[in-house]
């Protein structure tokens, strides 16, 4: 157990939950820029419940972002720690969407069991200007393996996620970035909705 906790701590410092919010990764950050976000999580199927989580994101260079966080929830998913890193494969340019590949590690309590999830998520997004406001619609396909340490079993899991990130059109909140996304469970996962509010630290 000490080794697992040490690994998690290192991951949070050096480097997403399996589809527990992928939207903020689509919003631009300056090099060495970082932000904190608070996110509402609402699971509608397969152990439904609501919760909150906090996330820290940092852009290390033009291509690489790292993040980590923790969440609490009601229902059958009560607690999780997560970390991840994303790499930009293609930039948002002309008619070409931005494409990122995100690797994630999560450990959490699900249905009374401890489940560790390793995931890979391709994400496509495109910056748009609507009514003078810039926004970033995105679509993602989280794919992972869930390892249940209590039952000594594993399962492959995947889902489809789509959403939007953008600035809030209120002068007093112009520094904040909001995100909304829906996750559609395709195999051994859940359908849920996620709402986030992020604040840049630099």
Protein backbone atom coordinates (compact mmCIF):
# COMPACT_ATOMS: atom_id res chain seq x y z
CA UNK A 1 0.00 0.00 0.00
CA UNK A 2 2.88 2.39 0.78
CA UNK A 3 4.28 1.82 -2.70
CA UNK A 4 0.92 2.65 -4.28
CA UNK A 5 0.53 5.86 -2.25
CA UNK A 6 4.08 6.89 -3.11
CA UNK A 7 3.41 6.32 -6.80
CA UNK A 8 0.22 8.40 -6.65
CA UNK A 9 1.99 11.25 -4.88
CA UNK A 10 4.76 11.28 -7.47
CA UNK A 11 2.20 11.17 -10.29
CA UNK A 12 0.30 14.14 -8.91
CA UNK A 13 3.50 16.16 -8.70
CA UNK A 14 5.06 15.12 -12.00
CA UNK A 15 2.18 14.49 -14.31
CA UNK A 16 -6.76 12.39 -15.39
CA UNK A 17 -9.09 10.41 -14.39
CA UNK A 18 -10.65 7.92 -16.75
CA UNK A 19 -13.04 10.34 -18.43
CA UNK A 20 -13.64 12.27 -15.20
CA UNK A 21 -13.30 15.46 -17.19
CA UNK A 22 -11.15 15.97 -20.29
CA UNK A 23 -12.41 19.38 -21.40
CA UNK A 24 -9.94 21.81 -19.83
CA UNK A 25 -7.16 20.20 -21.81
CA UNK A 26 -8.59 21.77 -24.96
CA UNK A 27 -8.31 25.36 -23.72
CA UNK A 28 -5.10 27.29 -24.56
CA UNK A 29 -2.47 27.86 -21.88
CA UNK A 30 0.77 29.80 -22.16
CA UNK A 31 4.04 27.91 -21.79
CA UNK A 32 4.58 27.25 -18.07
CA UNK A 33 1.01 28.44 -17.52
CA UNK A 34 -1.05 26.62 -14.92
CA UNK A 35 -4.57 26.62 -13.57
CA UNK A 36 -6.77 25.13 -10.89
CA UNK A 37 -10.31 23.94 -11.48
CA UNK A 38 -13.32 22.82 -9.48
CA UNK A 39 -15.62 20.36 -11.19
CA UNK A 40 -19.10 19.00 -10.54
CA UNK A 41 -19.49 15.33 -11.47
CA UNK A 42 -22.86 13.73 -12.08
CA UNK A 43 -23.04 10.00 -12.84
CA UNK A 44 -26.42 8.94 -14.25
CA UNK A 45 -26.00 5.20 -14.80
CA UNK A 46 -24.17 2.19 -13.35
CA UNK A 47 -23.83 3.40 -9.76
CA UNK A 48 -25.30 6.90 -10.09
CA UNK A 49 -24.33 9.77 -7.80
CA UNK A 50 -23.03 13.32 -7.69
CA UNK A 51 -19.70 14.66 -6.51
CA UNK A 52 -16.98 17.29 -6.70
CA UNK A 53 -13.33 17.17 -7.67
CA UNK A 54 -10.35 19.51 -7.82
CA UNK A 55 -7.74 19.52 -10.57
CA UNK A 56 -4.36 21.21 -11.12
CA UNK A 57 -3.09 21.57 -14.71
CA UNK A 58 0.28 22.85 -15.92
CA UNK A 59 1.64 23.34 -19.44
CA UNK A 60 5.32 22.36 -19.42
CA UNK A 61 6.11 23.29 -23.02
CA UNK A 62 4.37 23.83 -26.37
CA UNK A 63 3.27 20.19 -26.57
CA UNK A 64 3.06 18.70 -23.08
CA UNK A 65 0.60 19.25 -20.21
CA UNK A 66 0.44 17.45 -16.88
CA UNK A 67 -2.31 17.35 -14.26
CA UNK A 68 -3.46 15.74 -11.05
CA UNK A 69 -6.31 15.91 -8.61
CA UNK A 70 -8.76 14.25 -6.27
CA UNK A 71 -12.50 13.80 -6.07
CA UNK A 72 -15.28 12.82 -3.69
CA UNK A 73 -18.72 11.54 -4.61
CA UNK A 74 -21.93 9.94 -3.49
CA UNK A 75 -23.36 6.71 -4.83
CA UNK A 76 -21.04 3.82 -5.65
CA UNK A 77 -17.99 5.93 -6.57
CA UNK A 78 -16.90 7.64 -3.39
CA UNK A 79 -13.26 8.65 -3.78
CA UNK A 80 -10.50 8.90 -6.38
CA UNK A 81 -7.01 10.22 -6.94
CA UNK A 82 -5.85 10.81 -10.50
CA UNK A 83 -2.97 12.08 -12.57
CA UNK A 84 -2.22 12.33 -16.26
CA UNK A 85 -0.23 13.83 -19.08
CA UNK A 86 -1.28 14.92 -22.55
CA UNK A 87 0.79 15.47 -25.68
CA UNK A 88 -0.27 17.58 -28.65
CA UNK A 89 0.08 15.57 -31.86
CA UNK A 90 -1.34 18.20 -34.25
CA UNK A 91 -2.01 21.91 -33.62
CA UNK A 92 -5.27 23.76 -34.22
CA UNK A 93 -4.48 25.33 -37.59
CA UNK A 94 -6.71 26.54 -40.44
CA UNK A 95 -9.27 23.75 -41.01
CA UNK A 96 -7.24 21.21 -39.05
CA UNK A 97 -8.45 20.38 -35.52
CA UNK A 98 -6.08 20.12 -32.59
CA UNK A 99 -5.37 16.49 -31.67
CA UNK A 100 -4.04 15.46 -28.25
CA UNK A 101 -3.21 12.07 -26.79
CA UNK A 102 -3.72 11.80 -23.05
CA UNK A 103 -2.43 9.05 -20.73
CA UNK A 104 -4.03 8.72 -17.32
CA UNK A 105 -3.74 6.89 -14.01
CA UNK A 106 -6.53 6.71 -11.44
CA UNK A 107 -7.12 4.85 -8.20
CA UNK A 108 -10.54 5.01 -6.58
CA UNK A 109 -13.30 3.31 -4.67
CA UNK A 110 -16.02 1.79 -6.86
CA UNK A 111 -18.84 -0.39 -5.50
CA UNK A 112 -16.82 -0.97 -2.33
CA UNK A 113 -13.74 -2.15 -4.24
CA UNK A 114 -10.43 -0.46 -4.95
CA UNK A 115 -10.03 -0.03 -8.71
CA UNK A 116 -6.93 1.19 -10.52
CA UNK A 117 -7.48 2.47 -14.05
CA UNK A 118 -4.88 3.01 -16.74
CA UNK A 119 -6.20 4.92 -19.74
CA UNK A 120 -5.34 6.44 -23.10
CA UNK A 121 -7.60 9.15 -24.53
CA UNK A 122 -7.35 10.66 -28.02
CA UNK A 123 -8.95 14.14 -28.03
CA UNK A 124 -9.87 16.31 -31.04
CA UNK A 125 -10.84 19.98 -30.56
CA UNK A 126 -11.27 23.11 -32.64
CA UNK A 127 -11.26 26.77 -31.65
CA UNK A 128 -14.32 28.69 -32.87
CA UNK A 129 -15.50 32.27 -32.57
CA UNK A 130 -19.24 32.58 -32.02
CA UNK A 131 -20.86 35.97 -31.35
CA UNK A 132 -17.47 37.39 -30.42
CA UNK A 133 -16.74 34.64 -27.88
CA UNK A 134 -14.01 32.07 -28.38
CA UNK A 135 -14.87 28.47 -27.53
CA UNK A 136 -13.40 25.02 -27.99
CA UNK A 137 -15.76 22.13 -28.80
CA UNK A 138 -14.14 18.72 -28.44
CA UNK A 139 -14.71 15.00 -28.77
CA UNK A 140 -12.72 12.26 -27.03
CA UNK A 141 -12.59 8.47 -26.84
CA UNK A 142 -11.30 7.33 -23.42
CA UNK A 143 -10.03 3.74 -23.52
CA UNK A 144 -8.71 1.96 -20.45
CA UNK A 145 -8.13 -1.10 -18.32
CA UNK A 146 -9.67 -1.26 -14.84
CA UNK A 147 -7.80 -3.44 -12.32
CA UNK A 148 -9.87 -4.52 -9.29
CA UNK A 149 -7.45 -5.26 -6.44
CA UNK A 150 -10.19 -6.77 -4.23
CA UNK A 151 -11.56 -9.34 -6.68
CA UNK A 152 -8.24 -9.73 -8.55
CA UNK A 153 -9.99 -9.15 -11.89
CA UNK A 154 -9.69 -6.64 -14.72
CA UNK A 155 -11.88 -5.33 -17.52
CA UNK A 156 -11.44 -3.21 -20.62
CA UNK A 157 -13.50 -0.03 -20.61
CA UNK A 158 -14.25 2.67 -23.14
CA UNK A 159 -16.64 5.55 -23.65
CA UNK A 160 -17.37 8.55 -25.87
CA UNK A 161 -17.04 12.10 -24.52
CA UNK A 162 -18.05 15.41 -26.11
CA UNK A 163 -18.19 18.95 -24.76
CA UNK A 164 -17.17 22.60 -24.87
CA UNK A 165 -14.76 24.90 -23.06
CA UNK A 166 -14.66 28.68 -23.20
CA UNK A 167 -14.51 31.99 -21.39
CA UNK A 168 -17.49 33.13 -19.32
CA UNK A 169 -19.23 36.16 -20.94
CA UNK A 170 -19.41 38.08 -17.65
CA UNK A 171 -16.96 40.93 -17.06
CA UNK A 172 -16.40 40.09 -13.38
CA UNK A 173 -15.49 36.50 -14.33
CA UNK A 174 -13.55 37.13 -17.52
CA UNK A 175 -10.46 35.30 -16.20
CA UNK A 176 -12.38 32.09 -15.58
CA UNK A 177 -12.79 29.25 -18.06
CA UNK A 178 -15.91 27.08 -17.97
CA UNK A 179 -16.35 23.58 -19.34
CA UNK A 180 -19.32 21.30 -19.89
CA UNK A 181 -19.14 17.74 -21.15
CA UNK A 182 -21.13 14.56 -21.49
CA UNK A 183 -19.71 11.07 -21.20
CA UNK A 184 -21.54 8.20 -22.89
CA UNK A 185 -20.62 4.82 -21.43
CA UNK A 186 -20.00 2.27 -24.17
CA UNK A 187 -18.44 -0.68 -22.28
CA UNK A 188 -18.20 -1.37 -18.54
CA UNK A 189 -18.36 2.31 -17.61
CA UNK A 190 -21.03 5.00 -17.05
CA UNK A 191 -22.94 7.87 -18.59
CA UNK A 192 -22.39 11.19 -16.86
CA UNK A 193 -22.26 14.97 -17.06
CA UNK A 194 -19.42 17.20 -15.89
CA UNK A 195 -19.34 20.96 -15.26
CA UNK A 196 -16.09 22.76 -14.50
CA UNK A 197 -14.77 26.19 -13.61
CA UNK A 198 -11.05 26.91 -13.97
CA UNK A 199 -8.92 29.87 -12.87
CA UNK A 200 -5.45 30.57 -14.37
CA UNK A 201 -2.61 31.03 -11.87
CA UNK A 202 -0.32 32.47 -14.53
